C-alpha cells in the first residue's frame, strides 16, 4: 500500500471526537480571566475582564477572549484593563511577561507596577533629567548603562502620563 493511501486510510479511521480545533476572531462579549502579579502583591487574581492592552516588546497589543496562546515580553509602559462596567484601569509597569493561556486566561508577571494616576509629572521630569545627566556624564560604564535604562523607563512613563 502506498504511503499516501496508508495515511488517508488512517485519517478516515480517526474517531469523530478527535477533531481539529478551529480558532476564530475574539468576541468582545466573552471575558478573559486576568491575573496581574508582582513579586510582592497580586493586583488581579483570575478576575474576569473584557480586554487587556499591553506594551509588548514587539509593539502594543490588545488581548481579548479566545486570543491565540502566546508569551510576550513586556517593555516599560501602560497596561490597561477594560472591565465589564465600561471603565478601565491603567497601571505603569517597568517590565515583565504576559502569558496568554488556552481557555481565556492571561497571566501578567511584572517586576513593578503602579496606578498611572499615582505619578507626578514634575517628579518624572526631574528624575529623567537626572538620569540623562548621569548617562552622559563621566561616570563608569556601568553607571552610564544603569542611568540609560532608568532614563528609558522615565521617558516611557512621561509618555504614558502625558497621554492619559
Protein backbone atom coordinates (compact mmCIF):
# COMPACT_ATOMS: atom_id res chain seq x y z
CA UNK A 1 0.00 0.00 0.00
CA UNK A 2 1.44 3.38 -0.92
CA UNK A 3 2.23 5.81 1.87
CA UNK A 4 -0.42 8.29 0.67
CA UNK A 5 -3.15 5.64 0.76
CA UNK A 6 -1.92 4.47 4.18
CA UNK A 7 -2.14 7.99 5.61
CA UNK A 8 -5.56 8.64 4.09
CA UNK A 9 -6.86 5.27 5.35
CA UNK A 10 -5.58 6.06 8.85
CA UNK A 11 -7.16 9.51 8.72
CA UNK A 12 -10.55 8.00 7.91
CA UNK A 13 -10.36 5.78 11.00
CA UNK A 14 -9.82 8.71 13.39
CA UNK A 15 -12.75 8.99 15.80
CA UNK A 16 -15.01 11.99 15.29
CA UNK A 17 -14.20 13.29 18.80
CA UNK A 18 -10.64 13.91 17.63
CA UNK A 19 -11.39 16.94 15.51
CA UNK A 20 -9.21 19.81 14.52
CA UNK A 21 -9.62 22.79 16.81
CA UNK A 22 -10.71 25.86 14.95
CA UNK A 23 -9.86 29.38 16.04
CA UNK A 24 -11.96 32.34 15.19
CA UNK A 25 -11.94 36.02 15.89
CA UNK A 26 -12.15 37.08 19.52
CA UNK A 27 -15.57 38.27 20.52
CA UNK A 28 -15.90 41.33 22.74
CA UNK A 29 -18.79 39.75 24.67
CA UNK A 30 -16.53 36.99 26.02
CA UNK A 31 -14.41 37.51 29.12
CA UNK A 32 -10.79 36.71 29.84
CA UNK A 33 -9.52 35.80 33.32
CA UNK A 34 -6.69 38.15 34.24
CA UNK A 35 -4.02 37.59 36.88
CA UNK A 36 -1.69 40.58 37.27
CA UNK A 37 1.02 39.61 39.73
CA UNK A 38 4.03 41.40 41.20
CA UNK A 39 6.69 39.70 43.35
CA UNK A 40 5.14 41.23 46.47
CA UNK A 41 1.45 41.63 45.53
CA UNK A 42 -1.37 40.26 43.38
CA UNK A 43 -3.34 43.10 41.76
CA UNK A 44 -5.80 40.84 39.91
CA UNK A 45 -6.40 37.17 40.64
CA UNK A 46 -8.43 35.36 37.96
CA UNK A 47 -10.65 38.42 37.54
CA UNK A 48 -12.94 38.38 34.50
CA UNK A 49 -12.31 41.37 32.24
CA UNK A 50 -13.28 42.31 28.70
CA UNK A 51 -9.88 43.32 27.31
CA UNK A 52 -6.29 43.94 28.38
CA UNK A 53 -3.98 46.26 26.42
CA UNK A 54 -0.26 45.72 26.96
CA UNK A 55 3.03 47.26 25.88
CA UNK A 56 4.75 44.19 24.45
CA UNK A 57 8.32 44.23 23.22
CA UNK A 58 7.01 43.65 19.68
CA UNK A 59 4.50 46.50 19.94
CA UNK A 60 1.31 47.49 21.70
CA UNK A 61 -1.40 44.86 21.60
CA UNK A 62 -4.91 44.23 22.86
CA UNK A 63 -5.88 40.86 24.26
CA UNK A 64 -9.49 39.66 24.12
CA UNK A 65 -11.06 36.30 24.89
CA UNK A 66 -10.03 33.46 22.56
CA UNK A 67 -6.65 35.08 21.87
CA UNK A 68 -4.04 32.73 20.48
CA UNK A 69 -1.79 31.36 23.26
CA UNK A 70 1.50 33.24 23.42
CA UNK A 71 4.21 34.62 25.66
CA UNK A 72 5.07 38.29 25.26
CA UNK A 73 7.93 40.13 26.98
CA UNK A 74 6.77 43.50 28.29
CA UNK A 75 8.62 46.76 27.84
CA UNK A 76 8.14 49.69 30.20
CA UNK A 77 4.67 51.05 29.51
CA UNK A 78 1.00 51.01 30.34
CA UNK A 79 -1.24 48.04 30.97
CA UNK A 80 -4.87 49.00 30.51
CA UNK A 81 -7.54 46.69 31.91
CA UNK A 82 -11.01 47.18 30.39
CA UNK A 83 -13.61 45.86 32.81
CA UNK A 84 -17.18 44.88 32.02
CA UNK A 85 -18.62 48.06 33.55
CA UNK A 86 -17.20 50.01 30.62
CA UNK A 87 -14.47 51.65 32.70
CA UNK A 88 -10.79 50.92 32.54
CA UNK A 89 -7.85 50.96 34.93
CA UNK A 90 -4.29 51.77 33.93
CA UNK A 91 -1.02 50.70 35.51
CA UNK A 92 2.51 51.57 34.53
CA UNK A 93 4.81 48.53 34.53
CA UNK A 94 8.58 48.57 34.33
CA UNK A 95 8.76 45.23 32.52
CA UNK A 96 7.83 41.58 32.81
CA UNK A 97 5.99 38.91 30.81
CA UNK A 98 2.42 38.39 29.64
CA UNK A 99 1.35 34.80 29.06
CA UNK A 100 -1.89 34.07 27.19
CA UNK A 101 -3.05 30.59 28.16
CA UNK A 102 -5.71 28.49 26.43
CA UNK A 103 -9.22 28.71 27.93
CA UNK A 104 -9.25 32.52 28.15
CA UNK A 105 -6.60 33.04 30.83
CA UNK A 106 -4.00 35.80 30.87
CA UNK A 107 -1.18 35.99 33.40
CA UNK A 108 0.96 39.10 33.63
CA UNK A 109 4.07 38.86 35.80
CA UNK A 110 5.55 42.31 36.27
CA UNK A 111 8.60 43.46 38.18
CA UNK A 112 6.91 46.66 39.39
CA UNK A 113 3.53 48.22 38.67
CA UNK A 114 1.72 51.28 39.98
CA UNK A 115 -1.54 53.01 39.08
CA UNK A 116 -0.91 55.65 36.44
CA UNK A 117 -2.62 58.38 38.48
CA UNK A 118 -0.04 57.95 41.29
CA UNK A 119 2.73 59.61 39.27
CA UNK A 120 3.70 63.28 39.38
CA UNK A 121 4.65 64.94 36.10
CA UNK A 122 7.17 67.18 37.88
CA UNK A 123 8.86 64.25 39.66
CA UNK A 124 9.11 62.32 36.39
CA UNK A 125 10.66 65.31 34.62
CA UNK A 126 13.19 65.90 37.43
CA UNK A 127 14.22 62.24 37.65
CA UNK A 128 14.50 61.96 33.87
CA UNK A 129 16.84 64.96 33.73
CA UNK A 130 19.00 63.47 36.48
CA UNK A 131 19.17 60.08 34.72
CA UNK A 132 20.12 61.75 31.42
CA UNK A 133 22.80 63.80 33.20
CA UNK A 134 24.35 60.64 34.69
CA UNK A 135 24.08 58.74 31.39
CA UNK A 136 26.01 61.43 29.54
CA UNK A 137 28.45 62.14 32.40
CA UNK A 138 31.96 60.98 33.21
CA UNK A 139 30.98 58.04 35.48
CA UNK A 140 31.77 54.40 34.97
CA UNK A 141 30.27 52.49 32.05
CA UNK A 142 28.11 50.52 34.48
CA UNK A 143 26.68 53.73 35.98
CA UNK A 144 26.05 55.13 32.50
CA UNK A 145 24.23 51.98 31.37
CA UNK A 146 22.06 51.88 34.51
CA UNK A 147 21.22 55.56 34.04
CA UNK A 148 20.30 54.95 30.38
CA UNK A 149 17.90 52.16 31.39
CA UNK A 150 16.44 54.42 34.07
CA UNK A 151 16.04 57.22 31.52
CA UNK A 152 14.25 54.84 29.12
CA UNK A 153 11.76 53.94 31.85
CA UNK A 154 11.20 57.61 32.76
CA UNK A 155 10.69 58.51 29.08
CA UNK A 156 8.08 55.76 28.74
CA UNK A 157 6.45 56.92 31.97
CA UNK A 158 6.46 60.54 30.81
CA UNK A 159 4.77 59.49 27.55
CA UNK A 160 2.19 57.41 29.43
CA UNK A 161 1.29 60.21 31.86
CA UNK A 162 1.06 62.83 29.10
CA UNK A 163 -1.33 60.66 27.05
CA UNK A 164 -3.72 59.75 29.91
